[in-house]
């Protein structure tokens, strides 16, 4: 038995057929819902802009959010701080 299923998602005025794993189906549906919700808000706030324009704005909005989340989750600055603190502790132990 395959763990893949076929789903259809509404994005803007488009229906997108996809084959996804069963365990990720809810993520795709939540993503499509979030896109549709934001699309509808932009369409209400800025009427007569055109579907392509709304989808472009939504795409940009989600891309910016993804990049910001990625930057916030970057652990490299914390790793450097830990190494520096460990070096300071080692020096203090050697002095004492």
PDB file of N, CA and C in Angstrom:
ATOM      1  N   UNK A   1       0.835  -1.188   0.000  1.00  0.00           N
ATOM      2  CA  UNK A   1       0.000   0.000   0.000  1.00  0.00           C
ATOM      3  C   UNK A   1       0.877   1.248   0.000  1.00  0.00           C
ATOM      4  N   UNK A   2       0.539   2.195  -0.845  1.00  0.00           N
ATOM      5  CA  UNK A   2       1.319   3.419  -0.971  1.00  0.00           C
ATOM      6  C   UNK A   2       0.908   4.411   0.101  1.00  0.00           C
ATOM      7  N   UNK A   3       1.886   5.147   0.588  1.00  0.00           N
ATOM      8  CA  UNK A   3       1.564   6.185   1.559  1.00  0.00           C
ATOM      9  C   UNK A   3       1.352   7.525   0.879  1.00  0.00           C
ATOM     10  N   UNK A   4       1.191   7.524  -0.446  1.00  0.00           N
ATOM     11  CA  UNK A   4       0.932   8.734  -1.222  1.00  0.00           C
ATOM     12  C   UNK A   4      -0.561   8.830  -1.539  1.00  0.00           C
ATOM     13  N   UNK A   5      -1.061  10.057  -1.521  1.00  0.00           N
ATOM     14  CA  UNK A   5      -2.453  10.279  -1.877  1.00  0.00           C
ATOM     15  C   UNK A   5      -2.533  11.458  -2.838  1.00  0.00           C
ATOM     16  N   UNK A   6      -3.602  11.500  -3.584  1.00  0.00           N
ATOM     17  CA  UNK A   6      -3.831  12.616  -4.494  1.00  0.00           C
ATOM     18  C   UNK A   6      -4.808  13.575  -3.849  1.00  0.00           C
ATOM     19  N   UNK A   7      -4.436  14.851  -3.873  1.00  0.00           N
ATOM     20  CA  UNK A   7      -5.306  15.888  -3.312  1.00  0.00           C
ATOM     21  C   UNK A   7      -5.436  17.005  -4.338  1.00  0.00           C
ATOM     22  N   UNK A   8      -6.434  17.838  -4.132  1.00  0.00           N
ATOM     23  CA  UNK A   8      -6.663  19.008  -4.982  1.00  0.00           C
ATOM     24  C   UNK A   8      -6.767  20.214  -4.049  1.00  0.00           C
ATOM     25  N   UNK A   9      -5.952  21.217  -4.327  1.00  0.00           N
ATOM     26  CA  UNK A   9      -5.924  22.413  -3.488  1.00  0.00           C
ATOM     27  C   UNK A   9      -6.337  23.628  -4.295  1.00  0.00           C
ATOM     28  N   UNK A  10      -7.081  24.516  -3.671  1.00  0.00           N
ATOM     29  CA  UNK A  10      -7.477  25.781  -4.296  1.00  0.00           C
ATOM     30  C   UNK A  10      -6.498  26.867  -3.886  1.00  0.00           C
ATOM     31  N   UNK A  11      -5.892  27.497  -4.893  1.00  0.00           N
ATOM     32  CA  UNK A  11      -4.989  28.620  -4.655  1.00  0.00           C
ATOM     33  C   UNK A  11      -5.380  29.719  -5.634  1.00  0.00           C
ATOM     34  N   UNK A  12      -5.871  30.817  -5.087  1.00  0.00           N
ATOM     35  CA  UNK A  12      -6.420  31.851  -5.956  1.00  0.00           C
ATOM     36  C   UNK A  12      -7.651  31.282  -6.634  1.00  0.00           C
ATOM     37  N   UNK A  13      -7.671  31.357  -7.949  1.00  0.00           N
ATOM     38  CA  UNK A  13      -8.770  30.742  -8.695  1.00  0.00           C
ATOM     39  C   UNK A  13      -8.329  29.449  -9.358  1.00  0.00           C
ATOM     40  N   UNK A  14      -7.173  28.946  -8.969  1.00  0.00           N
ATOM     41  CA  UNK A  14      -6.620  27.729  -9.553  1.00  0.00           C
ATOM     42  C   UNK A  14      -6.859  26.526  -8.647  1.00  0.00           C
ATOM     43  N   UNK A  15      -7.112  25.384  -9.273  1.00  0.00           N
ATOM     44  CA  UNK A  15      -7.177  24.123  -8.552  1.00  0.00           C
ATOM     45  C   UNK A  15      -5.891  23.374  -8.899  1.00  0.00           C
ATOM     46  N   UNK A  16      -5.133  23.018  -7.880  1.00  0.00           N
ATOM     47  CA  UNK A  16      -3.841  22.383  -8.085  1.00  0.00           C
ATOM     48  C   UNK A  16      -3.917  20.932  -7.627  1.00  0.00           C
ATOM     49  N   UNK A  17      -3.804  19.973  -8.556  1.00  0.00           N
ATOM     50  CA  UNK A  17      -3.773  18.568  -8.163  1.00  0.00           C
ATOM     51  C   UNK A  17      -2.348  18.182  -7.766  1.00  0.00           C
ATOM     52  N   UNK A  18      -2.223  17.508  -6.651  1.00  0.00           N
ATOM     53  CA  UNK A  18      -0.915  17.093  -6.147  1.00  0.00           C
ATOM     54  C   UNK A  18      -0.964  15.658  -5.649  1.00  0.00           C
ATOM     55  N   UNK A  19       0.171  14.998  -5.685  1.00  0.00           N
ATOM     56  CA  UNK A  19       0.339  13.716  -5.020  1.00  0.00           C
ATOM     57  C   UNK A  19       1.316  13.947  -3.879  1.00  0.00           C
ATOM     58  N   UNK A  20       0.861  13.696  -2.652  1.00  0.00           N
ATOM     59  CA  UNK A  20       1.665  13.979  -1.461  1.00  0.00           C
ATOM     60  C   UNK A  20       1.636  12.782  -0.526  1.00  0.00           C
ATOM     61  N   UNK A  21       2.597  12.746   0.384  1.00  0.00           N
ATOM     62  CA  UNK A  21       2.582  11.681   1.380  1.00  0.00           C
ATOM     63  C   UNK A  21       1.447  11.940   2.365  1.00  0.00           C
ATOM     64  N   UNK A  22       0.884  10.864   2.871  1.00  0.00           N
ATOM     65  CA  UNK A  22      -0.263  10.990   3.775  1.00  0.00           C
ATOM     66  C   UNK A  22       0.079  11.812   5.015  1.00  0.00           C
ATOM     67  N   UNK A  23       1.311  11.640   5.525  1.00  0.00           N
ATOM     68  CA  UNK A  23       1.660  12.355   6.756  1.00  0.00           C
ATOM     69  C   UNK A  23       1.875  13.850   6.530  1.00  0.00           C
ATOM     70  N   UNK A  24       2.067  14.273   5.272  1.00  0.00           N
ATOM     71  CA  UNK A  24       2.253  15.693   4.992  1.00  0.00           C
ATOM     72  C   UNK A  24       1.013  16.354   4.396  1.00  0.00           C
ATOM     73  N   UNK A  25      -0.045  15.592   4.208  1.00  0.00           N
ATOM     74  CA  UNK A  25      -1.263  16.143   3.600  1.00  0.00           C
ATOM     75  C   UNK A  25      -1.757  17.364   4.350  1.00  0.00           C
ATOM     76  N   UNK A  26      -1.798  17.279   5.689  1.00  0.00           N
ATOM     77  CA  UNK A  26      -2.319  18.404   6.475  1.00  0.00           C
ATOM     78  C   UNK A  26      -1.469  19.660   6.299  1.00  0.00           C
ATOM     79  N   UNK A  27      -0.175  19.508   6.098  1.00  0.00           N
ATOM     80  CA  UNK A  27       0.695  20.668   5.910  1.00  0.00           C
ATOM     81  C   UNK A  27       0.360  21.363   4.590  1.00  0.00           C
ATOM     82  N   UNK A  28       0.172  20.575   3.539  1.00  0.00           N
ATOM     83  CA  UNK A  28      -0.199  21.150   2.244  1.00  0.00           C
ATOM     84  C   UNK A  28      -1.553  21.854   2.330  1.00  0.00           C
ATOM     85  N   UNK A  29      -2.493  21.224   3.021  1.00  0.00           N
ATOM     86  CA  UNK A  29      -3.825  21.841   3.137  1.00  0.00           C
ATOM     87  C   UNK A  29      -3.765  23.135   3.953  1.00  0.00           C
ATOM     88  N   UNK A  30      -2.985  23.128   5.044  1.00  0.00           N
ATOM     89  CA  UNK A  30      -2.835  24.347   5.852  1.00  0.00           C
ATOM     90  C   UNK A  30      -2.148  25.442   5.052  1.00  0.00           C
ATOM     91  N   UNK A  31      -1.135  25.067   4.254  1.00  0.00           N
ATOM     92  CA  UNK A  31      -0.436  26.052   3.427  1.00  0.00           C
ATOM     93  C   UNK A  31      -1.386  26.662   2.406  1.00  0.00           C
ATOM     94  N   UNK A  32      -2.161  25.816   1.737  1.00  0.00           N
ATOM     95  CA  UNK A  32      -3.117  26.316   0.747  1.00  0.00           C
ATOM     96  C   UNK A  32      -4.147  27.225   1.406  1.00  0.00           C
ATOM     97  N   UNK A  33      -4.583  26.856   2.600  1.00  0.00           N
ATOM     98  CA  UNK A  33      -5.555  27.687   3.320  1.00  0.00           C
ATOM     99  C   UNK A  33      -4.931  29.043   3.676  1.00  0.00           C
ATOM    100  N   UNK A  34      -3.681  29.032   4.150  1.00  0.00           N
ATOM    101  CA  UNK A  34      -3.009  30.282   4.515  1.00  0.00           C
ATOM    102  C   UNK A  34      -2.828  31.176   3.287  1.00  0.00           C
ATOM    103  N   UNK A  35      -2.465  30.576   2.160  1.00  0.00           N
ATOM    104  CA  UNK A  35      -2.304  31.339   0.922  1.00  0.00           C
ATOM    105  C   UNK A  35      -3.637  31.938   0.503  1.00  0.00           C
ATOM    106  N   UNK A  36      -4.681  31.114   0.528  1.00  0.00           N
ATOM    107  CA  UNK A  36      -6.003  31.584   0.108  1.00  0.00           C
ATOM    108  C   UNK A  36      -6.514  32.695   1.018  1.00  0.00           C
ATOM    109  N   UNK A  37      -6.275  32.545   2.311  1.00  0.00           N
ATOM    110  CA  UNK A  37      -6.702  33.564   3.264  1.00  0.00           C
ATOM    111  C   UNK A  37      -6.002  34.895   2.991  1.00  0.00           C
ATOM    112  N   UNK A  38      -4.705  34.846   2.809  1.00  0.00           N
ATOM    113  CA  UNK A  38      -3.943  36.064   2.536  1.00  0.00           C
ATOM    114  C   UNK A  38      -4.327  36.661   1.183  1.00  0.00           C
ATOM    115  N   UNK A  39      -4.533  35.797   0.190  1.00  0.00           N
ATOM    116  CA  UNK A  39      -4.987  36.234  -1.134  1.00  0.00           C
ATOM    117  C   UNK A  39      -6.293  37.009  -1.011  1.00  0.00           C
ATOM    118  N   UNK A  40      -7.247  36.451  -0.262  1.00  0.00           N
ATOM    119  CA  UNK A  40      -8.548  37.107  -0.092  1.00  0.00           C
ATOM    120  C   UNK A  40      -8.425  38.446   0.638  1.00  0.00           C
ATOM    121  N   UNK A  41      -7.521  38.509   1.616  1.00  0.00           N
ATOM    122  CA  UNK A  41      -7.326  39.778   2.331  1.00  0.00           C
ATOM    123  C   UNK A  41      -6.752  40.850   1.412  1.00  0.00           C
ATOM    124  N   UNK A  42      -5.769  40.480   0.589  1.00  0.00           N
ATOM    125  CA  UNK A  42      -5.208  41.457  -0.355  1.00  0.00           C
ATOM    126  C   UNK A  42      -6.241  41.869  -1.396  1.00  0.00           C
ATOM    127  N   UNK A  43      -7.036  40.909  -1.857  1.00  0.00           N
ATOM    128  CA  UNK A  43      -8.065  41.215  -2.853  1.00  0.00           C
ATOM    129  C   UNK A  43      -9.094  42.190  -2.279  1.00  0.00           C
ATOM    130  N   UNK A  44      -9.432  42.034  -1.001  1.00  0.00           N
ATOM    131  CA  UNK A  44     -10.386  42.937  -0.353  1.00  0.00           C
ATOM    132  C   UNK A  44      -9.762  44.312  -0.117  1.00  0.00           C
ATOM    133  N   UNK A  45      -8.521  44.323   0.329  1.00  0.00           N
ATOM    134  CA  UNK A  45      -7.859  45.581   0.672  1.00  0.00           C
ATOM    135  C   UNK A  45      -7.481  46.399  -0.565  1.00  0.00           C
ATOM    136  N   UNK A  46      -7.085  45.710  -1.629  1.00  0.00           N
ATOM    137  CA  UNK A  46      -6.657  46.384  -2.858  1.00  0.00           C
ATOM    138  C   UNK A  46      -7.460  45.846  -4.040  1.00  0.00           C
ATOM    139  N   UNK A  47      -8.706  46.275  -4.182  1.00  0.00           N
ATOM    140  CA  UNK A  47      -9.553  45.739  -5.256  1.00  0.00           C
ATOM    141  C   UNK A  47      -9.033  46.104  -6.649  1.00  0.00           C
ATOM    142  N   UNK A  48      -9.397  45.282  -7.612  1.00  0.00           N
ATOM    143  CA  UNK A  48      -9.113  45.506  -9.030  1.00  0.00           C
ATOM    144  C   UNK A  48      -7.625  45.496  -9.376  1.00  0.00           C
ATOM    145  N   UNK A  49      -6.831  44.703  -8.678  1.00  0.00           N
ATOM    146  CA  UNK A  49      -5.410  44.610  -8.981  1.00  0.00           C
ATOM    147  C   UNK A  49      -5.089  43.434  -9.897  1.00  0.00           C
ATOM    148  N   UNK A  50      -5.928  42.427  -9.928  1.00  0.00           N
ATOM    149  CA  UNK A  50      -5.669  41.260 -10.772  1.00  0.00           C
ATOM    150  C   UNK A  50      -5.117  40.100  -9.973  1.00  0.00           C
ATOM    151  N   UNK A  51      -5.549  38.918 -10.345  1.00  0.00           N
ATOM    152  CA  UNK A  51      -5.177  37.712  -9.596  1.00  0.00           C
ATOM    153  C   UNK A  51      -3.670  37.488  -9.567  1.00  0.00           C
ATOM    154  N   UNK A  52      -3.000  37.709 -10.682  1.00  0.00           N
ATOM    155  CA  UNK A  52      -1.556  37.492 -10.729  1.00  0.00           C
ATOM    156  C   UNK A  52      -0.840  38.418  -9.750  1.00  0.00           C
ATOM    157  N   UNK A  53      -1.309  39.639  -9.661  1.00  0.00           N
ATOM    158  CA  UNK A  53      -0.708  40.596  -8.727  1.00  0.00           C
ATOM    159  C   UNK A  53      -0.905  40.143  -7.282  1.00  0.00           C
ATOM    160  N   UNK A  54      -2.103  39.696  -6.942  1.00  0.00           N
ATOM    161  CA  UNK A  54      -2.361  39.218  -5.575  1.00  0.00           C
ATOM    162  C   UNK A  54      -1.476  38.016  -5.253  1.00  0.00           C
ATOM    163  N   UNK A  55      -1.391  37.078  -6.175  1.00  0.00           N
ATOM    164  CA  UNK A  55      -0.563  35.895  -5.930  1.00  0.00           C
ATOM    165  C   UNK A  55       0.910  36.267  -5.798  1.00  0.00           C
ATOM    166  N   UNK A  56       1.370  37.253  -6.565  1.00  0.00           N
ATOM    167  CA  UNK A  56       2.758  37.707  -6.457  1.00  0.00           C
ATOM    168  C   UNK A  56       3.035  38.325  -5.093  1.00  0.00           C
ATOM    169  N   UNK A  57       2.098  39.122  -4.606  1.00  0.00           N
ATOM    170  CA  UNK A  57       2.256  39.750  -3.295  1.00  0.00           C
ATOM    171  C   UNK A  57       2.256  38.691  -2.197  1.00  0.00           C
ATOM    172  N   UNK A  58       1.355  37.715  -2.319  1.00  0.00           N
ATOM    173  CA  UNK A  58       1.297  36.632  -1.330  1.00  0.00           C
ATOM    174  C   UNK A  58       2.604  35.838  -1.352  1.00  0.00           C
ATOM    175  N   UNK A  59       3.100  35.540  -2.534  1.00  0.00           N
ATOM    176  CA  UNK A  59       4.359  34.808  -2.669  1.00  0.00           C
ATOM    177  C   UNK A  59       5.501  35.568  -2.010  1.00  0.00           C
ATOM    178  N   UNK A  60       5.589  36.859  -2.284  1.00  0.00           N
ATOM    179  CA  UNK A  60       6.627  37.674  -1.678  1.00  0.00           C
ATOM    180  C   UNK A  60       6.494  37.707  -0.160  1.00  0.00           C
ATOM    181  N   UNK A  61       5.284  37.861   0.334  1.00  0.00           N
ATOM    182  CA  UNK A  61       5.030  37.898   1.776  1.00  0.00           C
ATOM    183  C   UNK A  61       5.514  36.612   2.448  1.00  0.00           C
ATOM    184  N   UNK A  62       5.135  35.453   1.885  1.00  0.00           N
ATOM    185  CA  UNK A  62       5.545  34.190   2.484  1.00  0.00           C
ATOM    186  C   UNK A  62       7.052  33.944   2.352  1.00  0.00           C
ATOM    187  N   UNK A  63       7.661  34.388   1.253  1.00  0.00           N
ATOM    188  CA  UNK A  63       9.105  34.227   1.084  1.00  0.00           C
ATOM    189  C   UNK A  63       9.868  35.044   2.120  1.00  0.00           C
ATOM    190  N   UNK A  64       9.428  36.271   2.357  1.00  0.00           N
ATOM    191  CA  UNK A  64      10.070  37.113   3.367  1.00  0.00           C
ATOM    192  C   UNK A  64       9.935  36.482   4.745  1.00  0.00           C
ATOM    193  N   UNK A  65       8.733  36.005   5.056  1.00  0.00           N
ATOM    194  CA  UNK A  65       8.526  35.356   6.357  1.00  0.00           C
ATOM    195  C   UNK A  65       9.404  34.115   6.521  1.00  0.00           C
ATOM    196  N   UNK A  66       9.541  33.326   5.461  1.00  0.00           N
ATOM    197  CA  UNK A  66      10.367  32.117   5.514  1.00  0.00           C
ATOM    198  C   UNK A  66      11.833  32.476   5.729  1.00  0.00           C
ATOM    199  N   UNK A  67      12.317  33.484   5.029  1.00  0.00           N
ATOM    200  CA  UNK A  67      13.711  33.891   5.184  1.00  0.00           C
ATOM    201  C   UNK A  67      13.983  34.451   6.568  1.00  0.00           C
ATOM    202  N   UNK A  68      13.059  35.244   7.095  1.00  0.00           N
ATOM    203  CA  UNK A  68      13.231  35.770   8.451  1.00  0.00           C
ATOM    204  C   UNK A  68      13.240  34.651   9.484  1.00  0.00           C
ATOM    205  N   UNK A  69      12.353  33.684   9.322  1.00  0.00           N
ATOM    206  CA  UNK A  69      12.318  32.549  10.249  1.00  0.00           C
ATOM    207  C   UNK A  69      13.607  31.742  10.155  1.00  0.00           C
ATOM    208  N   UNK A  70      14.120  31.588   8.946  1.00  0.00           N
ATOM    209  CA  UNK A  70      15.376  30.858   8.743  1.00  0.00           C
ATOM    210  C   UNK A  70      16.527  31.590   9.428  1.00  0.00           C
ATOM    211  N   UNK A  71      16.565  32.908   9.302  1.00  0.00           N
ATOM    212  CA  UNK A  71      17.623  33.690   9.942  1.00  0.00           C
ATOM    213  C   UNK A  71      17.531  33.614  11.457  1.00  0.00           C
ATOM    214  N   UNK A  72      16.320  33.647  11.988  1.00  0.00           N
ATOM    215  CA  UNK A  72      16.143  33.574  13.437  1.00  0.00           C
ATOM    216  C   UNK A  72      16.523  32.205  13.973  1.00  0.00           C
ATOM    217  N   UNK A  73      16.342  31.181  13.144  1.00  0.00           N
ATOM    218  CA  UNK A  73      16.645  29.820  13.587  1.00  0.00           C
ATOM    219  C   UNK A  73      18.113  29.469  13.393  1.00  0.00           C
ATOM    220  N   UNK A  74      18.874  30.360  12.762  1.00  0.00           N
ATOM    221  CA  UNK A  74      20.286  30.097  12.509  1.00  0.00           C
ATOM    222  C   UNK A  74      21.017  29.996  13.848  1.00  0.00           C
ATOM    223  N   UNK A  75      21.623  28.867  14.092  1.00  0.00           N
ATOM    224  CA  UNK A  75      22.283  28.638  15.380  1.00  0.00           C
ATOM    225  C   UNK A  75      23.765  28.992  15.364  1.00  0.00           C
ATOM    226  N   UNK A  76      24.313  29.367  14.222  1.00  0.00           N
ATOM    227  CA  UNK A  76      25.745  29.665  14.136  1.00  0.00           C
ATOM    228  C   UNK A  76      26.194  30.769  15.098  1.00  0.00           C
ATOM    229  N   UNK A  77      25.469  31.874  15.251  1.00  0.00           N
ATOM    230  CA  UNK A  77      25.909  32.888  16.222  1.00  0.00           C
ATOM    231  C   UNK A  77      25.971  32.336  17.654  1.00  0.00           C
ATOM    232  N   UNK A  78      25.030  31.471  17.994  1.00  0.00           N
ATOM    233  CA  UNK A  78      25.040  30.874  19.328  1.00  0.00           C
ATOM    234  C   UNK A  78      26.231  29.930  19.487  1.00  0.00           C
ATOM    235  N   UNK A  79      26.531  29.179  18.443  1.00  0.00           N
ATOM    236  CA  UNK A  79      27.677  28.270  18.492  1.00  0.00           C
ATOM    237  C   UNK A  79      28.973  29.048  18.699  1.00  0.00           C
ATOM    238  N   UNK A  80      29.133  30.174  17.986  1.00  0.00           N
ATOM    239  CA  UNK A  80      30.342  30.993  18.157  1.00  0.00           C
ATOM    240  C   UNK A  80      30.418  31.543  19.582  1.00  0.00           C
ATOM    241  N   UNK A  81      29.293  31.978  20.124  1.00  0.00           N
ATOM    242  CA  UNK A  81      29.277  32.506  21.492  1.00  0.00           C
ATOM    243  C   UNK A  81      29.648  31.429  22.500  1.00  0.00           C
ATOM    244  N   UNK A  82      29.168  30.225  22.293  1.00  0.00           N
ATOM    245  CA  UNK A  82      29.487  29.119  23.205  1.00  0.00           C
ATOM    246  C   UNK A  82      30.975  28.788  23.148  1.00  0.00           C
ATOM    247  N   UNK A  83      31.533  28.758  21.957  1.00  0.00           N
ATOM    248  CA  UNK A  83      32.973  28.489  21.808  1.00  0.00           C
ATOM    249  C   UNK A  83      33.780  29.565  22.517  1.00  0.00           C
ATOM    250  N   UNK A  84      33.384  30.834  22.331  1.00  0.00           N
ATOM    251  CA  UNK A  84      34.100  31.934  22.982  1.00  0.00           C
ATOM    252  C   UNK A  84      34.002  31.820  24.502  1.00  0.00           C
ATOM    253  N   UNK A  85      32.836  31.499  25.019  1.00  0.00           N
ATOM    254  CA  UNK A  85      32.671  31.337  26.474  1.00  0.00           C
ATOM    255  C   UNK A  85      33.484  30.161  27.000  1.00  0.00           C
ATOM    256  N   UNK A  86      33.503  29.073  26.253  1.00  0.00           N
ATOM    257  CA  UNK A  86      34.312  27.915  26.660  1.00  0.00           C
ATOM    258  C   UNK A  86      35.794  28.274  26.694  1.00  0.00           C
ATOM    259  N   UNK A  87      36.243  29.059  25.729  1.00  0.00           N
ATOM    260  CA  UNK A  87      37.653  29.497  25.727  1.00  0.00           C
ATOM    261  C   UNK A  87      37.961  30.360  26.933  1.00  0.00           C
ATOM    262  N   UNK A  88      37.039  31.269  27.263  1.00  0.00           N
ATOM    263  CA  UNK A  88      37.236  32.116  28.443  1.00  0.00           C
ATOM    264  C   UNK A  88      37.273  31.289  29.721  1.00  0.00           C
ATOM    265  N   UNK A  89      36.389  30.325  29.833  1.00  0.00           N
ATOM    266  CA  UNK A  89      36.374  29.448  31.008  1.00  0.00           C
ATOM    267  C   UNK A  89      37.670  28.658  31.113  1.00  0.00           C
ATOM    268  N   UNK A  90      38.163  28.166  29.995  1.00  0.00           N
ATOM    269  CA  UNK A  90      39.429  27.413  30.009  1.00  0.00           C
ATOM    270  C   UNK A  90      40.572  28.304  30.452  1.00  0.00           C
ATOM    271  N   UNK A  91      40.596  29.544  29.984  1.00  0.00           N
ATOM    272  CA  UNK A  91      41.656  30.471  30.400  1.00  0.00           C
ATOM    273  C   UNK A  91      41.566  30.759  31.888  1.00  0.00           C
ATOM    274  N   UNK A  92      40.372  30.950  32.408  1.00  0.00           N
ATOM    275  CA  UNK A  92      40.187  31.197  33.838  1.00  0.00           C
ATOM    276  C   UNK A  92      40.635  30.010  34.672  1.00  0.00           C
ATOM    277  N   UNK A  93      40.363  28.808  34.200  1.00  0.00           N
ATOM    278  CA  UNK A  93      40.786  27.608  34.912  1.00  0.00           C
ATOM    279  C   UNK A  93      42.308  27.486  34.919  1.00  0.00           C
ATOM    280  N   UNK A  94      42.943  27.848  33.823  1.00  0.00           N
ATOM    281  CA  UNK A  94      44.405  27.783  33.721  1.00  0.00           C
ATOM    282  C   UNK A  94      45.070  28.815  34.621  1.00  0.00           C
ATOM    283  N   UNK A  95      44.418  29.959  34.803  1.00  0.00           N
ATOM    284  CA  UNK A  95      44.963  31.021  35.644  1.00  0.00           C
ATOM    285  C   UNK A  95      44.804  30.699  37.126  1.00  0.00           C
ATOM    286  N   UNK A  96      43.764  29.977  37.472  1.00  0.00           N
ATOM    287  CA  UNK A  96      43.423  29.733  38.863  1.00  0.00           C
ATOM    288  C   UNK A  96      44.110  28.576  39.407  1.00  0.00           C
TER     289      UNK A  96
END
